[in-house]
N, C-alpha and C. Protein backbone atom coordinates (compact mmCIF):
# COMPACT_ATOMS: atom_id res chain seq x y z
N MET A 1 150.01 8.67 73.28
CA MET A 1 150.22 7.72 72.36
C MET A 1 151.67 6.98 72.51
N SER A 2 151.65 5.68 72.73
CA SER A 2 152.94 5.09 73.02
C SER A 2 153.74 5.06 71.66
N THR A 3 155.01 4.90 71.86
CA THR A 3 155.94 4.79 70.67
C THR A 3 155.77 3.42 70.20
N ARG A 4 155.38 3.28 68.85
CA ARG A 4 155.19 1.95 68.20
C ARG A 4 155.40 2.08 66.66
N PRO A 5 155.64 1.06 65.93
CA PRO A 5 155.69 1.07 64.56
C PRO A 5 154.47 1.68 63.90
N GLN A 6 154.69 2.59 62.90
CA GLN A 6 153.50 3.20 62.17
C GLN A 6 153.96 3.36 60.72
N THR A 7 152.92 3.32 59.88
CA THR A 7 153.10 3.55 58.43
C THR A 7 152.66 4.95 57.97
N ILE A 8 153.56 5.77 57.46
CA ILE A 8 153.32 7.10 56.96
C ILE A 8 153.37 7.07 55.48
N GLN A 9 152.27 7.56 54.78
CA GLN A 9 152.33 7.72 53.43
C GLN A 9 152.39 9.04 52.98
N ILE A 10 153.32 9.28 51.94
CA ILE A 10 153.57 10.59 51.42
C ILE A 10 153.36 10.42 49.82
N PHE A 11 152.29 11.31 49.44
CA PHE A 11 152.03 11.47 48.01
C PHE A 11 152.53 12.74 47.37
N LEU A 12 153.24 12.74 46.23
CA LEU A 12 153.68 13.87 45.65
C LEU A 12 152.79 14.11 44.41
N PRO A 13 151.92 15.03 44.46
CA PRO A 13 150.94 15.21 43.41
C PRO A 13 151.54 15.65 41.97
N ASP A 14 152.63 16.41 42.17
CA ASP A 14 153.28 16.76 40.90
C ASP A 14 154.58 16.12 40.65
N GLY A 15 154.90 15.09 41.50
CA GLY A 15 156.08 14.29 41.30
C GLY A 15 157.38 14.93 41.77
N ASN A 16 157.26 16.13 42.38
CA ASN A 16 158.41 16.82 42.91
C ASN A 16 158.63 16.68 44.26
N ALA A 17 159.70 16.16 44.76
CA ALA A 17 159.92 15.88 46.21
C ALA A 17 160.09 17.16 47.04
N THR A 18 160.37 18.36 46.42
CA THR A 18 160.57 19.52 47.12
C THR A 18 159.25 20.37 47.03
N SER A 19 158.22 19.83 46.56
CA SER A 19 156.95 20.66 46.27
C SER A 19 155.96 20.20 47.08
N ILE A 20 154.68 20.12 46.77
CA ILE A 20 153.56 19.86 47.55
C ILE A 20 153.57 18.37 47.97
N LYS A 21 153.32 18.09 49.21
CA LYS A 21 153.30 16.79 49.90
C LYS A 21 151.87 16.48 50.50
N ILE A 22 151.28 15.35 50.24
CA ILE A 22 150.11 15.04 50.94
C ILE A 22 150.52 13.86 51.86
N VAL A 23 150.35 14.00 53.13
CA VAL A 23 150.92 13.03 54.12
C VAL A 23 149.93 12.52 55.12
N ASP A 24 149.91 11.30 55.39
CA ASP A 24 149.00 10.75 56.45
C ASP A 24 149.55 9.54 57.14
N ILE A 25 149.07 9.16 58.39
CA ILE A 25 149.29 7.88 58.90
C ILE A 25 148.14 7.05 58.40
N THR A 26 148.43 5.90 57.76
CA THR A 26 147.43 5.22 57.01
C THR A 26 146.17 4.68 57.85
N SER A 27 146.35 4.59 59.03
CA SER A 27 145.44 4.09 60.00
C SER A 27 144.63 5.16 60.73
N ARG A 28 144.85 6.47 60.34
CA ARG A 28 144.31 7.55 61.16
C ARG A 28 143.50 8.53 60.19
N MET A 29 142.73 9.40 60.80
CA MET A 29 141.73 10.15 59.96
C MET A 29 142.22 11.57 59.74
N ILE A 30 143.51 11.81 59.77
CA ILE A 30 144.00 13.30 59.63
C ILE A 30 144.93 13.19 58.40
N THR A 31 144.75 14.19 57.63
CA THR A 31 145.64 14.44 56.42
C THR A 31 146.40 15.70 56.56
N ALA A 32 147.75 15.66 56.15
CA ALA A 32 148.51 16.81 56.22
C ALA A 32 148.89 17.25 54.83
N VAL A 33 148.88 18.61 54.40
CA VAL A 33 149.34 19.01 53.19
C VAL A 33 150.49 19.95 53.40
N LEU A 34 151.63 19.64 53.07
CA LEU A 34 152.74 20.60 53.26
C LEU A 34 153.11 21.24 51.85
N PHE A 35 153.31 22.55 51.84
CA PHE A 35 153.68 23.14 50.53
C PHE A 35 154.58 24.40 50.75
N PRO A 36 155.53 24.64 49.89
CA PRO A 36 156.40 25.84 49.98
C PRO A 36 155.59 27.00 49.61
N ARG A 37 155.98 28.16 50.10
CA ARG A 37 155.17 29.29 49.80
C ARG A 37 154.94 29.67 48.26
N ASN A 38 155.99 29.25 47.52
CA ASN A 38 155.83 29.51 46.03
C ASN A 38 154.92 28.70 45.37
N LYS A 39 154.33 27.74 46.05
CA LYS A 39 153.23 26.83 45.47
C LYS A 39 151.87 27.09 46.06
N LEU A 40 151.75 28.37 46.53
CA LEU A 40 150.43 28.76 47.18
C LEU A 40 149.26 28.69 46.06
N ALA A 41 149.61 29.11 44.86
CA ALA A 41 148.48 29.06 43.83
C ALA A 41 148.07 27.65 43.54
N GLU A 42 149.15 26.77 43.29
CA GLU A 42 148.89 25.49 42.93
C GLU A 42 148.14 24.71 43.90
N VAL A 43 148.34 24.93 45.15
CA VAL A 43 147.76 24.00 46.20
C VAL A 43 146.38 24.38 46.41
N GLY A 44 145.85 25.49 45.96
CA GLY A 44 144.51 26.06 46.11
C GLY A 44 143.45 25.04 45.40
N SER A 45 143.95 24.10 44.47
CA SER A 45 143.08 23.16 43.75
C SER A 45 142.80 21.87 44.58
N ARG A 46 143.53 21.77 45.70
CA ARG A 46 143.44 20.59 46.55
C ARG A 46 142.15 20.70 47.65
N ASP A 47 141.36 19.71 47.56
CA ASP A 47 140.18 19.74 48.50
C ASP A 47 140.65 19.73 49.89
N GLU A 48 141.79 19.13 50.28
CA GLU A 48 142.13 19.00 51.60
C GLU A 48 142.48 20.42 52.32
N VAL A 49 142.75 21.49 51.49
CA VAL A 49 143.13 22.79 52.12
C VAL A 49 141.89 23.78 51.93
N ARG A 50 140.70 23.26 51.51
CA ARG A 50 139.61 24.21 51.31
C ARG A 50 138.49 23.83 52.24
N LYS A 51 138.73 23.27 53.45
CA LYS A 51 137.75 22.95 54.51
C LYS A 51 138.28 23.40 55.96
N TYR A 52 137.48 23.07 56.92
CA TYR A 52 137.88 23.19 58.24
C TYR A 52 139.14 22.59 58.69
N GLY A 53 140.08 23.36 59.23
CA GLY A 53 141.37 22.74 59.54
C GLY A 53 142.17 23.60 60.43
N ILE A 54 143.30 23.06 60.84
CA ILE A 54 144.30 23.80 61.46
C ILE A 54 145.52 23.88 60.60
N TYR A 55 146.23 25.01 60.64
CA TYR A 55 147.49 25.22 59.74
C TYR A 55 148.61 25.86 60.58
N PHE A 56 149.79 25.57 60.05
CA PHE A 56 151.07 26.04 60.55
C PHE A 56 151.90 26.88 59.49
N LEU A 57 152.34 27.95 59.76
CA LEU A 57 153.25 28.76 58.93
C LEU A 57 154.62 28.65 59.54
N PHE A 58 155.66 28.13 58.78
CA PHE A 58 157.09 28.00 59.34
C PHE A 58 158.08 28.81 58.66
N GLY A 59 158.96 29.50 59.35
CA GLY A 59 159.92 30.24 58.66
C GLY A 59 161.07 30.59 59.57
N GLU A 60 162.05 31.47 59.16
CA GLU A 60 163.08 31.90 59.91
C GLU A 60 163.20 33.40 60.05
N ASP A 61 163.98 33.84 60.95
CA ASP A 61 164.27 35.36 61.12
C ASP A 61 165.74 35.49 61.53
N GLU A 62 166.58 36.13 60.81
CA GLU A 62 167.98 36.17 61.07
C GLU A 62 168.28 36.88 62.46
N GLU A 63 167.21 37.71 62.98
CA GLU A 63 167.52 38.25 64.24
C GLU A 63 167.08 37.44 65.48
N LYS A 64 166.49 36.27 65.17
CA LYS A 64 165.85 35.42 66.20
C LYS A 64 166.66 34.19 66.21
N ALA A 65 166.96 33.50 67.44
CA ALA A 65 167.74 32.33 67.56
C ALA A 65 166.90 31.16 67.13
N LYS A 66 165.56 31.20 67.37
CA LYS A 66 164.80 30.04 67.08
C LYS A 66 163.89 30.14 65.79
N PRO A 67 163.59 29.12 65.06
CA PRO A 67 162.68 29.28 63.90
C PRO A 67 161.35 29.75 64.42
N ILE A 68 160.53 30.25 63.59
CA ILE A 68 159.21 30.88 63.87
C ILE A 68 158.08 30.00 63.32
N CYS A 69 156.98 29.95 64.09
CA CYS A 69 155.77 29.35 63.62
C CYS A 69 154.51 30.13 63.95
N TYR A 70 153.73 30.17 63.08
CA TYR A 70 152.33 30.72 63.38
C TYR A 70 151.26 29.53 63.19
N ILE A 71 150.47 29.56 64.15
CA ILE A 71 149.47 28.48 64.29
C ILE A 71 148.02 29.09 64.12
N GLY A 72 147.23 28.59 63.35
CA GLY A 72 145.87 29.14 63.15
C GLY A 72 144.81 28.04 62.84
N GLU A 73 143.50 28.46 62.93
CA GLU A 73 142.45 27.52 62.56
C GLU A 73 141.39 28.38 61.75
N THR A 74 140.67 27.74 60.78
CA THR A 74 139.75 28.38 59.95
C THR A 74 138.75 27.37 59.30
N GLU A 75 137.80 27.85 58.78
CA GLU A 75 136.87 26.97 57.80
C GLU A 75 137.34 26.78 56.54
N ASP A 76 138.24 27.59 55.97
CA ASP A 76 138.86 27.41 54.68
C ASP A 76 140.40 27.82 54.85
N CYS A 77 141.20 26.73 54.98
CA CYS A 77 142.52 27.10 55.24
C CYS A 77 143.19 27.71 54.07
N TYR A 78 142.92 27.53 52.95
CA TYR A 78 143.50 28.12 51.79
C TYR A 78 143.23 29.71 51.70
N ASP A 79 142.09 29.98 51.99
CA ASP A 79 141.72 31.44 51.80
C ASP A 79 142.41 32.15 52.98
N ARG A 80 142.54 31.64 54.15
CA ARG A 80 143.10 32.31 55.27
C ARG A 80 144.63 32.46 55.07
N ILE A 81 145.22 31.42 54.45
CA ILE A 81 146.75 31.44 54.15
C ILE A 81 146.97 32.42 53.15
N LYS A 82 146.15 32.53 52.21
CA LYS A 82 146.26 33.62 51.07
C LYS A 82 146.38 34.95 51.72
N THR A 83 145.57 35.19 52.80
CA THR A 83 145.47 36.56 53.55
C THR A 83 146.85 36.64 54.18
N HIS A 84 147.44 35.57 54.92
CA HIS A 84 148.73 35.69 55.56
C HIS A 84 149.83 35.92 54.45
N ASN A 85 149.71 35.48 53.32
CA ASN A 85 150.66 35.67 52.30
C ASN A 85 150.89 37.19 52.01
N LYS A 86 149.80 37.94 52.25
CA LYS A 86 150.09 39.46 52.11
C LYS A 86 150.55 40.10 53.32
N ASN A 87 150.43 39.67 54.50
CA ASN A 87 150.81 40.41 55.72
C ASN A 87 151.73 39.73 56.62
N LYS A 88 152.24 38.42 56.23
CA LYS A 88 153.26 37.82 57.00
C LYS A 88 154.37 37.45 56.25
N ASP A 89 155.51 38.14 56.51
CA ASP A 89 156.72 37.92 55.66
C ASP A 89 157.52 36.68 56.01
N PHE A 90 157.51 36.23 57.13
CA PHE A 90 158.52 35.33 57.69
C PHE A 90 158.44 33.94 57.13
N TRP A 91 157.18 33.45 56.62
CA TRP A 91 157.11 32.13 56.57
C TRP A 91 157.55 31.62 55.19
N ASN A 92 158.05 30.43 55.02
CA ASN A 92 158.55 29.71 53.78
C ASN A 92 157.69 28.50 53.43
N TYR A 93 157.17 27.94 54.54
CA TYR A 93 156.37 26.58 54.26
C TYR A 93 155.09 26.74 55.19
N ALA A 94 153.98 26.10 54.50
CA ALA A 94 152.73 25.82 55.33
C ALA A 94 152.36 24.36 55.37
N VAL A 95 151.90 24.03 56.46
CA VAL A 95 151.30 22.71 56.70
C VAL A 95 149.85 22.78 57.15
N VAL A 96 148.97 22.23 56.38
CA VAL A 96 147.53 22.23 56.67
C VAL A 96 147.10 20.83 57.05
N PHE A 97 146.24 20.88 58.22
CA PHE A 97 145.74 19.42 58.72
C PHE A 97 144.17 19.59 58.56
N SER A 98 143.62 18.56 58.01
CA SER A 98 142.16 18.49 57.87
C SER A 98 141.75 16.96 58.11
N SER A 99 140.40 16.84 58.19
CA SER A 99 139.93 15.49 58.39
C SER A 99 139.63 14.73 57.11
N LYS A 100 140.05 13.52 56.97
CA LYS A 100 139.75 12.71 55.85
C LYS A 100 138.31 12.68 55.50
N SER A 101 137.55 12.51 56.61
CA SER A 101 136.10 12.18 56.53
C SER A 101 135.28 13.50 56.65
N ASN A 102 135.99 14.66 56.55
CA ASN A 102 135.31 15.92 56.58
C ASN A 102 134.44 16.16 57.72
N THR A 103 134.81 15.67 58.98
CA THR A 103 134.07 15.78 60.16
C THR A 103 134.43 16.84 61.17
N PHE A 104 135.46 17.59 60.78
CA PHE A 104 135.89 18.76 61.57
C PHE A 104 134.86 19.89 61.62
N THR A 105 134.64 20.40 62.66
CA THR A 105 133.80 21.53 62.90
C THR A 105 134.62 22.69 63.41
N LYS A 106 133.93 23.94 63.70
CA LYS A 106 134.61 25.05 64.26
C LYS A 106 135.13 24.68 65.85
N SER A 107 134.32 23.94 66.44
CA SER A 107 134.75 23.62 67.80
C SER A 107 135.91 22.66 67.70
N HIS A 108 136.10 21.74 66.78
CA HIS A 108 137.17 20.87 66.69
C HIS A 108 138.50 21.67 66.52
N VAL A 109 138.43 22.49 65.42
CA VAL A 109 139.74 23.26 65.12
C VAL A 109 139.97 24.24 66.09
N LYS A 110 139.14 24.87 66.73
CA LYS A 110 139.51 25.89 67.84
C LYS A 110 140.12 25.16 68.96
N PHE A 111 139.67 23.95 69.37
CA PHE A 111 140.31 23.28 70.39
C PHE A 111 141.66 22.78 69.89
N LEU A 112 142.02 22.38 68.76
CA LEU A 112 143.25 21.88 68.35
C LEU A 112 144.19 23.21 68.24
N GLU A 113 143.69 24.33 67.88
CA GLU A 113 144.53 25.54 67.82
C GLU A 113 145.02 25.83 69.19
N TYR A 114 144.04 25.82 70.14
CA TYR A 114 144.35 26.06 71.59
C TYR A 114 145.49 25.14 72.01
N LEU A 115 145.22 23.87 71.74
CA LEU A 115 146.17 22.81 72.36
C LEU A 115 147.60 23.04 71.58
N CYS A 116 147.63 23.12 70.29
CA CYS A 116 148.98 23.39 69.64
C CYS A 116 149.72 24.62 70.09
N ILE A 117 148.88 25.67 70.20
CA ILE A 117 149.76 26.99 70.64
C ILE A 117 150.26 26.70 72.11
N LYS A 118 149.43 26.09 72.98
CA LYS A 118 149.82 25.95 74.31
C LYS A 118 150.93 25.08 74.54
N HIS A 119 151.07 23.86 73.68
CA HIS A 119 152.18 22.95 73.77
C HIS A 119 153.38 23.57 73.11
N ALA A 120 153.25 24.33 72.09
CA ALA A 120 154.35 24.99 71.38
C ALA A 120 155.10 25.89 72.22
N ASN A 121 154.27 26.67 72.99
CA ASN A 121 154.88 27.67 73.90
C ASN A 121 155.53 27.01 75.19
N GLU A 122 154.89 26.06 75.53
CA GLU A 122 155.47 25.34 76.67
C GLU A 122 156.89 24.60 76.41
N ILE A 123 156.93 24.03 75.20
CA ILE A 123 158.18 23.25 74.78
C ILE A 123 159.25 24.26 74.45
N GLY A 124 158.82 25.29 73.64
CA GLY A 124 159.79 26.36 73.26
C GLY A 124 160.81 26.06 72.20
N ARG A 125 160.68 25.02 71.46
CA ARG A 125 161.54 24.87 70.32
C ARG A 125 161.41 25.78 69.16
N TYR A 126 160.30 26.43 69.09
CA TYR A 126 159.87 27.43 68.07
C TYR A 126 159.36 28.60 68.81
N GLU A 127 159.56 29.72 68.23
CA GLU A 127 158.93 30.95 68.58
C GLU A 127 157.82 31.28 67.86
N THR A 128 156.57 31.30 68.66
CA THR A 128 155.35 31.46 67.98
C THR A 128 155.04 32.83 67.61
N ASP A 129 154.51 33.11 66.49
CA ASP A 129 154.13 34.38 66.03
C ASP A 129 152.76 34.74 66.52
N ASN A 130 152.01 33.90 67.16
CA ASN A 130 150.65 34.23 67.79
C ASN A 130 150.88 35.12 68.94
N GLN A 131 150.02 36.16 68.91
CA GLN A 131 150.16 37.17 69.97
C GLN A 131 149.87 36.61 71.37
N SER A 132 149.01 35.69 71.43
CA SER A 132 148.62 35.05 72.77
C SER A 132 148.03 33.66 72.54
N THR A 133 147.95 32.93 73.70
CA THR A 133 147.36 31.59 73.63
C THR A 133 145.83 31.82 73.65
N PRO A 134 145.04 31.24 72.82
CA PRO A 134 143.62 31.40 73.02
C PRO A 134 143.12 30.62 74.29
N SER A 135 141.92 31.02 74.84
CA SER A 135 141.39 30.35 76.02
C SER A 135 140.99 28.93 75.46
N LYS A 136 140.82 28.05 76.35
CA LYS A 136 140.40 26.70 76.14
C LYS A 136 138.78 26.78 75.86
N PRO A 137 138.48 26.37 74.61
CA PRO A 137 137.10 26.31 74.34
C PRO A 137 136.36 25.22 74.97
N TYR A 138 134.99 25.23 75.16
CA TYR A 138 134.34 24.19 75.75
C TYR A 138 134.00 23.13 74.74
N ILE A 139 134.28 21.92 75.11
CA ILE A 139 133.88 20.85 74.15
C ILE A 139 133.47 19.66 75.05
N THR A 140 132.82 18.53 74.58
CA THR A 140 132.42 17.48 75.50
C THR A 140 133.71 16.59 75.79
N GLU A 141 133.58 15.79 76.90
CA GLU A 141 134.78 15.10 77.30
C GLU A 141 135.06 13.89 76.16
N SER A 142 134.16 13.40 75.51
CA SER A 142 134.43 12.37 74.52
C SER A 142 135.09 13.08 73.32
N MET A 143 134.66 14.38 72.87
CA MET A 143 135.36 15.08 71.84
C MET A 143 136.75 15.40 72.20
N GLU A 144 136.97 15.86 73.37
CA GLU A 144 138.30 16.16 73.78
C GLU A 144 139.29 14.86 73.59
N ALA A 145 138.69 13.73 74.06
CA ALA A 145 139.53 12.54 73.93
C ALA A 145 139.81 12.19 72.55
N ASP A 146 138.94 12.37 71.52
CA ASP A 146 139.25 12.23 70.17
C ASP A 146 140.25 13.27 69.60
N LEU A 147 140.19 14.47 70.09
CA LEU A 147 140.93 15.39 69.65
C LEU A 147 142.43 15.45 70.15
N MET A 148 142.63 14.82 71.33
CA MET A 148 143.90 14.48 71.89
C MET A 148 144.62 13.47 71.08
N ASP A 149 143.79 12.55 70.37
CA ASP A 149 144.33 11.51 69.60
C ASP A 149 144.75 12.30 68.27
N ASN A 150 143.98 13.16 67.76
CA ASN A 150 144.28 13.89 66.62
C ASN A 150 145.61 14.65 66.82
N PHE A 151 145.66 15.38 67.97
CA PHE A 151 146.92 16.09 68.33
C PHE A 151 148.14 15.16 68.15
N GLU A 152 148.20 13.98 68.72
CA GLU A 152 149.22 13.09 68.65
C GLU A 152 149.61 12.74 67.16
N THR A 153 148.58 12.66 66.19
CA THR A 153 148.83 12.50 64.93
C THR A 153 149.52 13.65 64.32
N ILE A 154 148.98 14.80 64.65
CA ILE A 154 149.62 16.02 64.07
C ILE A 154 151.10 16.19 64.51
N LYS A 155 151.35 15.86 65.82
CA LYS A 155 152.62 15.88 66.26
C LYS A 155 153.62 14.91 65.49
N ILE A 156 153.18 13.81 65.23
CA ILE A 156 154.11 12.79 64.55
C ILE A 156 154.39 13.28 63.11
N LEU A 157 153.26 13.68 62.49
CA LEU A 157 153.42 14.10 61.04
C LEU A 157 154.27 15.43 60.92
N LEU A 158 154.13 16.31 61.83
CA LEU A 158 154.98 17.48 61.68
C LEU A 158 156.51 17.13 61.88
N SER A 159 156.78 16.19 62.76
CA SER A 159 158.07 15.79 63.10
C SER A 159 158.65 15.04 61.86
N THR A 160 157.82 14.24 61.27
CA THR A 160 158.21 13.56 60.07
C THR A 160 158.51 14.52 58.82
N LEU A 161 157.87 15.60 58.83
CA LEU A 161 157.94 16.59 57.82
C LEU A 161 159.14 17.55 58.07
N GLY A 162 159.87 17.39 59.18
CA GLY A 162 160.94 18.08 59.63
C GLY A 162 160.58 19.37 60.55
N PHE A 163 159.46 19.31 61.14
CA PHE A 163 159.12 20.47 62.07
C PHE A 163 158.76 19.98 63.38
N PRO A 164 159.79 19.58 64.20
CA PRO A 164 159.64 18.88 65.57
C PRO A 164 159.06 19.96 66.62
N ILE A 165 158.05 20.64 66.31
CA ILE A 165 157.56 21.76 67.20
C ILE A 165 157.13 21.22 68.44
N PHE A 166 156.59 20.01 68.54
CA PHE A 166 155.98 19.43 69.77
C PHE A 166 156.92 18.31 70.50
N GLU A 167 158.11 18.20 69.89
CA GLU A 167 159.08 17.22 70.53
C GLU A 167 159.85 17.87 71.65
N GLU A 168 159.61 17.40 72.82
CA GLU A 168 160.23 17.94 73.91
C GLU A 168 161.54 17.43 74.22
N ILE A 169 162.57 18.12 74.51
CA ILE A 169 164.00 17.67 74.76
C ILE A 169 164.12 17.73 76.29
N ARG A 170 164.29 16.58 76.77
CA ARG A 170 164.58 16.49 78.34
C ARG A 170 166.04 16.04 78.69
N LYS A 171 166.66 17.13 79.17
CA LYS A 171 168.03 16.98 79.47
C LYS A 171 168.24 15.81 80.61
N ALA A 172 167.27 15.67 81.43
CA ALA A 172 167.46 14.73 82.56
C ALA A 172 167.53 13.27 81.98
N THR A 173 166.91 13.06 80.85
CA THR A 173 166.96 11.73 80.25
C THR A 173 168.24 11.27 79.62
N LEU A 174 169.14 12.32 79.47
CA LEU A 174 170.41 11.91 78.71
C LEU A 174 171.43 11.56 79.73
N LYS A 175 172.32 10.62 79.31
CA LYS A 175 173.53 10.23 80.12
C LYS A 175 174.45 11.42 80.22
N LYS A 176 175.06 11.56 81.27
CA LYS A 176 176.00 12.74 81.31
C LYS A 176 177.24 12.59 80.47
N LYS A 177 177.53 11.27 80.29
CA LYS A 177 178.77 11.02 79.36
C LYS A 177 178.48 11.42 77.93
N GLU A 178 177.21 11.54 77.61
CA GLU A 178 176.83 11.96 76.24
C GLU A 178 176.77 13.43 75.97
N LEU A 179 176.83 14.25 77.04
CA LEU A 179 176.88 15.63 76.98
C LEU A 179 178.21 16.26 76.55
N LEU A 180 178.16 17.33 75.64
CA LEU A 180 179.37 18.05 75.27
C LEU A 180 179.37 19.33 76.07
N TYR A 181 180.48 19.78 76.54
CA TYR A 181 180.71 20.92 77.37
C TYR A 181 181.54 22.02 76.83
N CYS A 182 181.18 23.19 76.95
CA CYS A 182 181.93 24.40 76.43
C CYS A 182 181.98 25.45 77.49
N LYS A 183 183.34 25.92 77.79
CA LYS A 183 183.41 26.89 78.77
C LYS A 183 184.35 27.95 78.34
N GLY A 184 183.95 29.27 78.45
CA GLY A 184 184.87 30.35 78.05
C GLY A 184 184.55 31.60 78.94
N LYS A 185 185.12 32.55 78.60
CA LYS A 185 184.93 33.89 79.39
C LYS A 185 183.61 34.35 79.45
N ASP A 186 182.92 34.42 80.60
CA ASP A 186 181.57 34.68 80.81
C ASP A 186 180.53 33.79 80.15
N ALA A 187 180.97 32.58 79.90
CA ALA A 187 180.07 31.68 79.26
C ALA A 187 180.32 30.30 79.55
N ILE A 188 179.34 29.51 79.82
CA ILE A 188 179.44 28.04 80.11
C ILE A 188 178.18 27.39 79.65
N ALA A 189 178.36 26.20 78.97
CA ALA A 189 177.18 25.59 78.35
C ALA A 189 177.43 24.13 78.10
N ASP A 190 176.33 23.38 77.97
CA ASP A 190 176.41 22.01 77.64
C ASP A 190 175.22 21.65 76.63
N GLY A 191 175.47 20.56 75.71
CA GLY A 191 174.60 20.29 74.79
C GLY A 191 174.85 18.86 74.32
N ASP A 192 174.05 18.50 73.40
CA ASP A 192 174.17 17.08 72.89
C ASP A 192 173.63 17.00 71.36
N MET A 193 174.13 16.08 70.72
CA MET A 193 173.68 15.86 69.28
C MET A 193 172.50 14.92 69.21
N LEU A 194 171.35 15.53 68.81
CA LEU A 194 170.16 14.72 68.69
C LEU A 194 169.92 14.38 67.33
N ASP A 195 168.76 13.63 67.12
CA ASP A 195 168.31 13.12 65.80
C ASP A 195 168.16 14.29 64.84
N ASP A 196 167.76 15.51 65.23
CA ASP A 196 167.42 16.56 64.27
C ASP A 196 168.38 17.76 64.45
N GLY A 197 169.56 17.45 65.06
CA GLY A 197 170.68 18.55 65.21
C GLY A 197 171.26 18.76 66.56
N PHE A 198 172.14 19.67 66.60
CA PHE A 198 172.71 19.91 67.95
C PHE A 198 171.89 20.79 68.81
N VAL A 199 171.76 20.51 69.96
CA VAL A 199 170.91 21.35 70.95
C VAL A 199 171.81 21.81 72.20
N VAL A 200 171.73 23.05 72.41
CA VAL A 200 172.43 23.66 73.65
C VAL A 200 171.37 23.89 74.70
N PHE A 201 171.62 23.29 75.91
CA PHE A 201 170.63 23.30 76.90
C PHE A 201 170.57 24.59 77.71
N LYS A 202 169.45 25.08 78.05
CA LYS A 202 169.26 26.18 78.87
C LYS A 202 169.80 25.86 80.35
N GLU A 203 170.54 26.73 81.03
CA GLU A 203 170.96 26.43 82.37
C GLU A 203 169.83 27.01 83.30
């Protein structure tokens, strides 16, 4: 998807900007529901989280340099996340993606899960809590084309919500004069200030 102007709509069902958010690109068929962990019970009444979808759990670990994300798919995102609430400690926020027209099937969400885990691991901005990347499921060529479009929507909405897990940072595209350098005993590094914070580049 080329970079172009787009309209993103954010609905606050309880009027609280730090609580549940229902987010979509108005011209597309994907809805995102973001909620903090302490709103798990309240979000269960939303139809958007009670159907086939793909979900992300985001959190931090003081012992890890990168933020952590778990990516999953299921036929009822709310029930699955309730299970994770009992056995995964790291997450603070969840984001659920489902179809506005309720057209997702198991094949759709399994392919999106595969695609998201694969790209997240390749880009490396987050450490994934998934034990392995699932194998690519078989789908038709036309379905794959549609799901690649869905993936682009997921990518944009996650970045808008503050989780740029699929935003690749290319050092080669930056002008050398914009880089900042640091050199000390047994250490040398360079980095740059980007839209979402300071990034140190891997040598």
